Structures are given as structure tokens and as C-alpha cells.
Amino acid sequence: MKKLSDQWELINEARRLVPVDLHHLASNLGVRLRAAFLHPKISGMIERLGENEFTITVNHSDAHTRQRFTIAHELGHYMLHRHLIGDGLDDDRAYRSTQVGKYHNTSIGPSEETEANRFAANLLMPQSLVDAEWQARNDVSDMADYFGVSAHAMSIRLGVPYDS
């Protein structure tokens, strides 16, 4: 396993390219990724398979942009809350720990989920790059496509109303 400082450097490097290559980043961090048909209320989960061995699973039924945000969110738990993951953690559609899935982890609460969401937004949509592109594009859908996120996520990041 790489030192924590090396892992943060990998994250900073990944944020320089748009869209962020999450599969490459996870691989470099030593985290396995997979897609599976999970319960419809589950977006993803992170499991500890060994002392330093983790797997992130995303719901195969979710849209590609949703899967990307889920991976980034679970990487947030990996980087910020590794000591709280225990055997694993399921996140529901609102990215909250849930009883519906395989794991019910009571060590991860609303503040940790908020931190993981912020981590995901900062990873996928670095504010400096978003600001620069917004000046050039000024279109939420175009921005969302460029960064590989949903229009809803981009609207939140930009602080503009979401038109569904």
C-alpha cells in the first residue's frame, strides 16, 4: 500500500485531467472497481477484503454519470474514513449509509457522508477548472458532458438552478 501522502498526490494528479479517469485512479490507489446488479435502493458500496484491500462496487443499473459519482463518493470514504469502514459500507440513492444492503455501518453518519460527497464533487469537478470552463461554455449540459457528471451535479457545483 502506498503512503497516504502518495495517495493524495495521485488524487491531485487525477484532478488535472478532465474527465477524471476514475478507473485509473482507483487502480493506482490499489482499490478494485466492479459493477454489479445491486438492490435498486443501493448506489454503491465499499468493502474491506483484507487489511489494506478494498473493492468499490457500483450499481450496474445506474447511469454512467451516477456510477462515476458513486465511485468518487466511495473513494472519498476510502481516503477520509478508512478507519470507519469496518467490513464494508452501503450507500443508498441519497448517498447515505443504509440497512438495505449487505452492510449496515453505523460508524458512518451524515457528516461523513457529506464529506464523501464534497470529496466526490472536488475530485470530479475541481472548482478552478469548473470556473474556467464556465467562462468559455456557459451551458450546464455542455459542462456536465465535459466533466462526465450529471447536469444535476453540475448545477449544484455551479450554484445554478437545475432544470430537469
Protein backbone atom coordinates (compact mmCIF):
# COMPACT_ATOMS: atom_id res chain seq x y z
CA MET A 1 0.00 0.00 0.00
CA LYS A 2 1.23 3.47 -0.89
CA LYS A 3 1.80 6.08 1.80
CA LEU A 4 -1.14 8.37 2.42
CA SER A 5 0.79 11.38 1.10
CA ASP A 6 1.47 9.47 -2.13
CA GLN A 7 -2.22 8.63 -2.43
CA TRP A 8 -3.19 12.30 -2.09
CA GLU A 9 -0.67 13.17 -4.80
CA LEU A 10 -2.31 10.59 -7.10
CA ILE A 11 -5.67 12.26 -6.46
CA ASN A 12 -4.26 15.71 -7.20
CA GLU A 13 -2.73 14.40 -10.43
CA ALA A 14 -6.03 12.77 -11.48
CA ARG A 15 -7.91 16.05 -10.97
CA ARG A 16 -5.77 17.75 -13.62
CA LEU A 17 -7.34 15.77 -16.49
CA VAL A 18 -10.98 16.16 -17.48
CA PRO A 19 -12.90 13.96 -17.20
CA VAL A 20 -11.11 12.29 -14.31
CA ASP A 21 -10.15 8.70 -15.15
CA LEU A 22 -11.61 7.04 -12.07
CA HIS A 23 -10.65 3.52 -13.11
CA HIS A 24 -7.00 4.52 -13.49
CA LEU A 25 -7.08 6.44 -10.20
CA ALA A 26 -8.66 3.58 -8.26
CA SER A 27 -6.14 1.16 -9.71
CA ASN A 28 -3.27 3.44 -8.73
CA LEU A 29 -4.70 3.69 -5.20
CA GLY A 30 -4.96 -0.09 -5.01
CA VAL A 31 -8.76 -0.13 -4.91
CA ARG A 32 -10.63 -2.57 -7.15
CA LEU A 33 -13.72 -1.43 -9.04
CA ARG A 34 -16.60 -3.51 -10.23
CA ALA A 35 -20.21 -3.12 -11.34
CA ALA A 36 -22.93 -5.48 -10.15
CA PHE A 37 -26.69 -5.59 -10.03
CA LEU A 38 -27.30 -4.26 -6.53
CA HIS A 39 -30.62 -3.67 -4.75
CA PRO A 40 -32.39 -0.81 -6.58
CA LYS A 41 -32.05 1.41 -3.49
CA ILE A 42 -28.25 0.94 -3.35
CA SER A 43 -25.94 3.11 -5.50
CA GLY A 44 -22.72 1.55 -4.34
CA MET A 45 -20.61 0.10 -1.61
CA ILE A 46 -17.05 -0.18 -0.46
CA GLU A 47 -15.85 -3.41 1.11
CA ARG A 48 -12.72 -4.23 3.06
CA LEU A 49 -11.47 -7.59 1.82
CA GLY A 50 -8.21 -7.61 3.76
CA GLU A 51 -6.18 -5.31 5.96
CA ASN A 52 -5.35 -2.98 3.06
CA GLU A 53 -7.57 -4.43 0.35
CA PHE A 54 -10.75 -2.63 -0.75
CA THR A 55 -13.32 -3.07 -3.51
CA ILE A 56 -15.84 -0.49 -4.67
CA THR A 57 -18.98 -1.84 -6.30
CA VAL A 58 -21.40 0.37 -8.22
CA ASN A 59 -24.93 -0.46 -9.25
CA HIS A 60 -24.77 -1.71 -12.84
CA SER A 61 -28.30 -0.39 -13.42
CA ASP A 62 -27.33 3.22 -12.72
CA ALA A 63 -26.49 5.75 -15.42
CA HIS A 64 -22.81 6.15 -16.25
CA THR A 65 -22.65 9.60 -14.64
CA ARG A 66 -24.27 8.23 -11.47
CA GLN A 67 -21.74 5.40 -11.37
CA ARG A 68 -18.90 7.92 -11.71
CA PHE A 69 -20.19 10.00 -8.80
CA THR A 70 -20.68 6.84 -6.73
CA ILE A 71 -17.10 5.73 -7.39
CA ALA A 72 -15.82 9.18 -6.43
CA HIS A 73 -18.01 9.16 -3.30
CA GLU A 74 -16.73 5.74 -2.24
CA LEU A 75 -13.15 6.85 -2.91
CA GLY A 76 -13.96 9.70 -0.54
CA HIS A 77 -14.82 7.17 2.15
CA TYR A 78 -11.63 5.30 1.34
CA MET A 79 -9.45 8.39 1.70
CA LEU A 80 -11.26 10.09 4.58
CA HIS A 81 -12.96 7.34 6.58
CA ARG A 82 -10.92 4.21 6.00
CA HIS A 83 -10.73 3.69 9.77
CA LEU A 84 -14.56 3.63 9.97
CA ILE A 85 -15.35 1.33 7.05
CA GLY A 86 -15.08 -1.88 9.06
CA ASP A 87 -16.11 -4.80 6.83
CA GLY A 88 -17.97 -2.52 4.48
CA LEU A 89 -20.43 0.24 3.82
CA ASP A 90 -23.51 0.52 1.60
CA ASP A 91 -24.71 3.89 0.28
CA ASP A 92 -28.29 4.42 -0.82
CA ARG A 93 -29.62 6.64 -3.61
CA ALA A 94 -29.08 9.75 -1.43
CA TYR A 95 -25.53 8.62 -0.57
CA ARG A 96 -26.43 7.74 2.99
CA SER A 97 -25.46 4.59 4.88
CA THR A 98 -28.39 2.21 4.76
CA GLN A 99 -29.77 -1.01 6.20
CA VAL A 100 -31.00 -2.20 2.80
CA GLY A 101 -27.69 -3.55 1.52
CA LYS A 102 -25.15 -6.08 2.68
CA TYR A 103 -23.61 -3.82 5.36
CA HIS A 104 -25.23 -1.56 7.92
CA ASN A 105 -22.36 0.58 9.11
CA THR A 106 -23.38 2.84 11.99
CA SER A 107 -19.88 4.35 12.23
CA ILE A 108 -20.54 6.40 9.08
CA GLY A 109 -23.04 9.16 9.78
CA PRO A 110 -24.39 12.24 8.00
CA SER A 111 -21.21 14.29 8.48
CA GLU A 112 -19.04 11.55 6.91
CA GLU A 113 -21.49 11.19 4.03
CA THR A 114 -21.37 14.96 3.44
CA GLU A 115 -17.57 14.83 3.47
CA ALA A 116 -17.60 11.97 0.92
CA ASN A 117 -19.99 13.97 -1.31
CA ARG A 118 -17.72 17.02 -1.14
CA PHE A 119 -14.71 14.85 -1.90
CA ALA A 120 -16.53 13.44 -4.96
CA ALA A 121 -17.53 16.90 -6.22
CA ASN A 122 -13.97 18.22 -5.74
CA LEU A 123 -12.50 15.19 -7.46
CA LEU A 124 -14.81 15.18 -10.47
CA MET A 125 -15.35 18.93 -10.79
CA PRO A 126 -12.31 20.86 -9.48
CA GLN A 127 -13.56 24.38 -8.79
CA SER A 128 -10.74 26.14 -10.68
CA LEU A 129 -11.39 24.06 -13.81
CA VAL A 130 -15.16 24.48 -13.49
CA ASP A 131 -14.78 28.26 -13.20
CA ALA A 132 -12.51 28.43 -16.25
CA GLU A 133 -14.78 26.23 -18.38
CA TRP A 134 -17.92 28.06 -17.25
CA GLN A 135 -16.47 31.28 -18.67
CA ALA A 136 -15.95 29.54 -22.03
CA ARG A 137 -19.06 27.34 -22.21
CA ASN A 138 -21.76 28.92 -20.02
CA ASP A 139 -24.03 25.88 -20.56
CA VAL A 140 -24.78 23.41 -17.76
CA SER A 141 -25.38 20.41 -20.03
CA ASP A 142 -22.22 21.06 -22.02
CA MET A 143 -20.26 21.43 -18.77
CA ALA A 144 -21.75 18.21 -17.40
CA ASP A 145 -20.79 16.31 -20.54
CA TYR A 146 -17.27 17.76 -20.47
CA PHE A 147 -16.68 16.75 -16.83
CA GLY A 148 -18.51 13.40 -17.12
CA VAL A 149 -21.13 14.20 -14.48
CA SER A 150 -24.87 14.65 -14.46
CA ALA A 151 -26.42 18.01 -15.24
CA HIS A 152 -27.88 17.95 -11.73
CA ALA A 153 -24.44 17.52 -10.14
CA MET A 154 -23.02 20.27 -12.33
CA SER A 155 -25.90 22.60 -11.44
CA ILE A 156 -25.16 22.06 -7.76
CA ARG A 157 -21.45 22.68 -8.33
CA LEU A 158 -22.14 25.88 -10.27
CA GLY A 159 -24.80 27.04 -7.81
CA VAL A 160 -27.38 27.48 -10.54
CA PRO A 161 -30.96 26.15 -10.63
CA TYR A 162 -31.36 22.67 -12.05
CA ASP A 163 -33.74 22.40 -14.99
CA SER A 164 -34.79 18.76 -15.23
